[in-house]
Amino acid sequence: MFLVLVTYIKPIEDVDAHLANHRAYLDKFYSTGNLICSGPQNPRTGGLLLANFANTNEVWNFIHNDPYYLNQIADYKIVAFNPVKYAKGFEQFVK
């Protein structure tokens, strides 16, 4: 499992200009089960995604096609982790 930390590097107006395309792109990966949850940070300086990909290369492939990446809106950091404890119901996301 992966936590993807997104940090905006452009003004929020640029972020908002690409928001609809970014969210549409994420929808594709929700439909495949690769994304578990996502959302903006508070304050809105970036976002985060909880993802289930087979390996880090797959995560980078996902990122490299994100409209935020393609339009140089954000930087990304990937944190790989193994969930060993989690709330009831979350087991459906653990591969």
N, C-alpha and C. Protein backbone atom coordinates (compact mmCIF):
# COMPACT_ATOMS: atom_id res chain seq x y z
N MET A 1 0.85 -1.17 0.00
CA MET A 1 0.00 0.00 0.00
C MET A 1 0.89 1.23 0.00
N PHE A 2 0.36 2.32 -0.54
CA PHE A 2 1.15 3.53 -0.71
C PHE A 2 0.36 4.76 -0.28
N LEU A 3 1.05 5.66 0.38
CA LEU A 3 0.53 6.99 0.64
C LEU A 3 1.26 7.92 -0.31
N VAL A 4 0.52 8.67 -1.09
CA VAL A 4 1.11 9.61 -2.03
C VAL A 4 0.82 11.01 -1.51
N LEU A 5 1.88 11.73 -1.16
CA LEU A 5 1.76 13.10 -0.68
C LEU A 5 1.95 14.04 -1.86
N VAL A 6 1.01 14.93 -2.05
CA VAL A 6 1.01 15.87 -3.16
C VAL A 6 1.21 17.28 -2.59
N THR A 7 2.18 18.00 -3.14
CA THR A 7 2.45 19.37 -2.71
C THR A 7 2.32 20.29 -3.91
N TYR A 8 1.43 21.27 -3.79
CA TYR A 8 1.25 22.22 -4.90
C TYR A 8 2.47 23.11 -5.03
N ILE A 9 2.89 23.32 -6.27
CA ILE A 9 4.03 24.20 -6.54
C ILE A 9 3.62 25.39 -7.40
N LYS A 10 2.34 25.49 -7.68
CA LYS A 10 1.78 26.62 -8.44
C LYS A 10 0.68 27.27 -7.59
N PRO A 11 0.29 28.49 -7.93
CA PRO A 11 -0.80 29.15 -7.20
C PRO A 11 -2.10 28.34 -7.26
N ILE A 12 -2.92 28.53 -6.25
CA ILE A 12 -4.17 27.76 -6.13
C ILE A 12 -5.07 27.96 -7.36
N GLU A 13 -4.97 29.11 -8.04
CA GLU A 13 -5.76 29.33 -9.25
C GLU A 13 -5.36 28.34 -10.35
N ASP A 14 -4.08 28.03 -10.44
CA ASP A 14 -3.61 27.03 -11.41
C ASP A 14 -4.08 25.64 -11.02
N VAL A 15 -4.04 25.36 -9.72
CA VAL A 15 -4.53 24.08 -9.20
C VAL A 15 -6.00 23.91 -9.60
N ASP A 16 -6.80 24.93 -9.32
CA ASP A 16 -8.23 24.87 -9.61
C ASP A 16 -8.52 24.74 -11.10
N ALA A 17 -7.67 25.32 -11.93
CA ALA A 17 -7.87 25.23 -13.39
C ALA A 17 -7.76 23.80 -13.90
N HIS A 18 -7.04 22.95 -13.16
CA HIS A 18 -6.84 21.56 -13.58
C HIS A 18 -7.56 20.55 -12.68
N LEU A 19 -8.31 21.06 -11.72
CA LEU A 19 -8.95 20.19 -10.72
C LEU A 19 -9.92 19.19 -11.34
N ALA A 20 -10.77 19.61 -12.24
CA ALA A 20 -11.76 18.70 -12.84
C ALA A 20 -11.07 17.57 -13.60
N ASN A 21 -10.03 17.89 -14.36
CA ASN A 21 -9.31 16.84 -15.09
C ASN A 21 -8.57 15.91 -14.14
N HIS A 22 -8.01 16.47 -13.08
CA HIS A 22 -7.32 15.66 -12.07
C HIS A 22 -8.30 14.67 -11.44
N ARG A 23 -9.46 15.14 -11.03
CA ARG A 23 -10.45 14.27 -10.39
C ARG A 23 -11.00 13.22 -11.36
N ALA A 24 -11.19 13.58 -12.61
CA ALA A 24 -11.63 12.61 -13.62
C ALA A 24 -10.58 11.53 -13.80
N TYR A 25 -9.32 11.92 -13.78
CA TYR A 25 -8.22 10.95 -13.88
C TYR A 25 -8.23 10.01 -12.68
N LEU A 26 -8.43 10.55 -11.49
CA LEU A 26 -8.48 9.70 -10.30
C LEU A 26 -9.63 8.70 -10.38
N ASP A 27 -10.75 9.12 -10.93
CA ASP A 27 -11.92 8.23 -11.04
C ASP A 27 -11.59 6.94 -11.77
N LYS A 28 -10.72 7.00 -12.76
CA LYS A 28 -10.32 5.80 -13.49
C LYS A 28 -9.68 4.78 -12.54
N PHE A 29 -8.92 5.26 -11.57
CA PHE A 29 -8.21 4.36 -10.67
C PHE A 29 -9.06 3.96 -9.46
N TYR A 30 -10.10 4.73 -9.17
CA TYR A 30 -11.08 4.25 -8.20
C TYR A 30 -11.83 3.07 -8.79
N SER A 31 -12.13 3.13 -10.08
CA SER A 31 -12.89 2.04 -10.71
C SER A 31 -12.09 0.75 -10.80
N THR A 32 -10.77 0.82 -10.80
CA THR A 32 -9.93 -0.38 -10.86
C THR A 32 -9.56 -0.89 -9.46
N GLY A 33 -9.89 -0.12 -8.43
CA GLY A 33 -9.54 -0.51 -7.07
C GLY A 33 -8.15 -0.09 -6.63
N ASN A 34 -7.44 0.67 -7.47
CA ASN A 34 -6.10 1.13 -7.11
C ASN A 34 -6.11 2.28 -6.12
N LEU A 35 -7.17 3.08 -6.12
CA LEU A 35 -7.27 4.17 -5.16
C LEU A 35 -8.30 3.84 -4.10
N ILE A 36 -7.96 4.16 -2.86
CA ILE A 36 -8.84 3.89 -1.73
C ILE A 36 -9.50 5.18 -1.25
N CYS A 37 -8.71 6.24 -1.13
CA CYS A 37 -9.26 7.55 -0.78
C CYS A 37 -8.28 8.63 -1.20
N SER A 38 -8.79 9.85 -1.31
CA SER A 38 -7.95 10.98 -1.69
C SER A 38 -8.65 12.25 -1.24
N GLY A 39 -7.86 13.31 -1.16
CA GLY A 39 -8.45 14.60 -0.82
C GLY A 39 -7.39 15.65 -0.57
N PRO A 40 -7.85 16.91 -0.48
CA PRO A 40 -6.92 18.01 -0.25
C PRO A 40 -6.47 18.07 1.21
N GLN A 41 -5.29 18.62 1.40
CA GLN A 41 -4.81 18.90 2.75
C GLN A 41 -5.54 20.13 3.28
N ASN A 42 -5.49 20.30 4.57
CA ASN A 42 -6.10 21.47 5.20
C ASN A 42 -5.06 22.12 6.10
N PRO A 43 -4.50 23.27 5.74
CA PRO A 43 -4.89 24.14 4.64
C PRO A 43 -4.53 23.54 3.29
N ARG A 44 -5.09 24.09 2.26
CA ARG A 44 -5.02 23.52 0.91
C ARG A 44 -3.68 23.82 0.23
N THR A 45 -2.65 23.13 0.70
CA THR A 45 -1.30 23.27 0.13
C THR A 45 -0.92 22.06 -0.70
N GLY A 46 -1.82 21.13 -0.83
CA GLY A 46 -1.57 19.89 -1.56
C GLY A 46 -2.68 18.91 -1.24
N GLY A 47 -2.39 17.64 -1.44
CA GLY A 47 -3.37 16.60 -1.17
C GLY A 47 -2.67 15.31 -0.82
N LEU A 48 -3.48 14.28 -0.61
CA LEU A 48 -2.91 12.97 -0.41
C LEU A 48 -3.83 11.91 -0.97
N LEU A 49 -3.19 10.80 -1.33
CA LEU A 49 -3.93 9.67 -1.88
C LEU A 49 -3.47 8.41 -1.16
N LEU A 50 -4.41 7.56 -0.84
CA LEU A 50 -4.10 6.23 -0.33
C LEU A 50 -4.34 5.27 -1.47
N ALA A 51 -3.28 4.57 -1.86
CA ALA A 51 -3.33 3.78 -3.10
C ALA A 51 -2.86 2.35 -2.87
N ASN A 52 -3.37 1.47 -3.70
CA ASN A 52 -3.02 0.07 -3.67
C ASN A 52 -2.55 -0.35 -5.06
N PHE A 53 -1.26 -0.23 -5.30
CA PHE A 53 -0.65 -0.66 -6.53
C PHE A 53 0.31 -1.80 -6.21
N ALA A 54 0.72 -2.56 -7.21
CA ALA A 54 1.59 -3.71 -6.99
C ALA A 54 2.99 -3.31 -6.55
N ASN A 55 3.47 -2.16 -7.04
CA ASN A 55 4.84 -1.74 -6.71
C ASN A 55 4.99 -0.24 -6.97
N THR A 56 6.14 0.28 -6.57
CA THR A 56 6.41 1.71 -6.70
C THR A 56 6.42 2.16 -8.16
N ASN A 57 6.90 1.32 -9.06
CA ASN A 57 6.90 1.69 -10.48
C ASN A 57 5.49 1.96 -10.99
N GLU A 58 4.53 1.16 -10.55
CA GLU A 58 3.14 1.39 -10.96
C GLU A 58 2.61 2.71 -10.40
N VAL A 59 3.02 3.05 -9.18
CA VAL A 59 2.60 4.33 -8.60
C VAL A 59 3.16 5.48 -9.42
N TRP A 60 4.47 5.39 -9.78
CA TRP A 60 5.06 6.46 -10.59
C TRP A 60 4.39 6.55 -11.96
N ASN A 61 4.03 5.43 -12.56
CA ASN A 61 3.31 5.46 -13.85
C ASN A 61 1.98 6.19 -13.69
N PHE A 62 1.28 5.91 -12.61
CA PHE A 62 0.03 6.60 -12.30
C PHE A 62 0.27 8.10 -12.17
N ILE A 63 1.27 8.49 -11.39
CA ILE A 63 1.57 9.91 -11.16
C ILE A 63 1.94 10.60 -12.46
N HIS A 64 2.77 9.97 -13.26
CA HIS A 64 3.27 10.62 -14.48
C HIS A 64 2.19 10.91 -15.52
N ASN A 65 1.00 10.38 -15.31
CA ASN A 65 -0.12 10.67 -16.21
C ASN A 65 -1.19 11.54 -15.57
N ASP A 66 -0.97 11.94 -14.34
CA ASP A 66 -1.90 12.82 -13.62
C ASP A 66 -1.83 14.22 -14.24
N PRO A 67 -2.97 14.85 -14.52
CA PRO A 67 -2.95 16.21 -15.06
C PRO A 67 -2.15 17.20 -14.20
N TYR A 68 -2.12 17.02 -12.91
CA TYR A 68 -1.31 17.91 -12.07
C TYR A 68 0.18 17.73 -12.37
N TYR A 69 0.60 16.52 -12.59
CA TYR A 69 2.01 16.27 -12.94
C TYR A 69 2.31 16.80 -14.34
N LEU A 70 1.44 16.47 -15.28
CA LEU A 70 1.66 16.86 -16.68
C LEU A 70 1.72 18.38 -16.86
N ASN A 71 1.00 19.11 -16.00
CA ASN A 71 0.96 20.57 -16.09
C ASN A 71 1.85 21.24 -15.04
N GLN A 72 2.71 20.46 -14.42
CA GLN A 72 3.67 20.95 -13.43
C GLN A 72 3.00 21.76 -12.33
N ILE A 73 1.90 21.20 -11.81
CA ILE A 73 1.14 21.83 -10.74
C ILE A 73 1.63 21.37 -9.38
N ALA A 74 2.16 20.15 -9.30
CA ALA A 74 2.48 19.57 -7.99
C ALA A 74 3.73 18.70 -8.04
N ASP A 75 4.32 18.55 -6.85
CA ASP A 75 5.37 17.57 -6.61
C ASP A 75 4.75 16.42 -5.84
N TYR A 76 5.37 15.24 -5.93
CA TYR A 76 4.83 14.03 -5.32
C TYR A 76 5.89 13.33 -4.49
N LYS A 77 5.45 12.75 -3.39
CA LYS A 77 6.30 11.89 -2.58
C LYS A 77 5.52 10.62 -2.30
N ILE A 78 6.17 9.48 -2.49
CA ILE A 78 5.54 8.17 -2.27
C ILE A 78 6.08 7.57 -0.98
N VAL A 79 5.17 7.13 -0.13
CA VAL A 79 5.54 6.42 1.09
C VAL A 79 4.90 5.03 1.01
N ALA A 80 5.73 4.00 0.92
CA ALA A 80 5.22 2.62 0.91
C ALA A 80 5.08 2.15 2.35
N PHE A 81 4.02 1.41 2.64
CA PHE A 81 3.85 0.87 3.99
C PHE A 81 3.01 -0.40 3.94
N ASN A 82 3.11 -1.19 5.00
CA ASN A 82 2.35 -2.43 5.14
C ASN A 82 1.35 -2.26 6.28
N PRO A 83 0.08 -2.17 5.97
CA PRO A 83 -0.92 -2.03 7.03
C PRO A 83 -1.06 -3.35 7.80
N VAL A 84 -0.69 -3.34 9.05
CA VAL A 84 -0.79 -4.54 9.87
C VAL A 84 -1.93 -4.43 10.89
N LYS A 85 -2.35 -3.22 11.18
CA LYS A 85 -3.51 -2.99 12.04
C LYS A 85 -4.41 -1.99 11.33
N TYR A 86 -5.71 -2.23 11.39
CA TYR A 86 -6.64 -1.34 10.71
C TYR A 86 -8.04 -1.58 11.25
N ALA A 87 -8.92 -0.62 11.01
CA ALA A 87 -10.30 -0.69 11.47
C ALA A 87 -11.06 -1.79 10.73
N LYS A 88 -12.08 -2.31 11.40
CA LYS A 88 -12.93 -3.33 10.81
C LYS A 88 -13.50 -2.79 9.50
N GLY A 89 -13.48 -3.59 8.47
CA GLY A 89 -13.97 -3.20 7.15
C GLY A 89 -12.85 -2.82 6.20
N PHE A 90 -11.71 -2.42 6.77
CA PHE A 90 -10.60 -1.99 5.93
C PHE A 90 -9.89 -3.17 5.28
N GLU A 91 -10.10 -4.37 5.81
CA GLU A 91 -9.41 -5.55 5.27
C GLU A 91 -9.68 -5.77 3.79
N GLN A 92 -10.80 -5.25 3.29
CA GLN A 92 -11.10 -5.40 1.87
C GLN A 92 -10.08 -4.66 0.99
N PHE A 93 -9.36 -3.71 1.56
CA PHE A 93 -8.38 -2.94 0.80
C PHE A 93 -6.96 -3.50 0.91
N VAL A 94 -6.73 -4.42 1.84
CA VAL A 94 -5.41 -4.96 2.08
C VAL A 94 -5.20 -6.15 1.16
N LYS A 95 -4.21 -6.05 0.29
CA LYS A 95 -3.91 -7.14 -0.66
C LYS A 95 -2.87 -8.06 -0.09
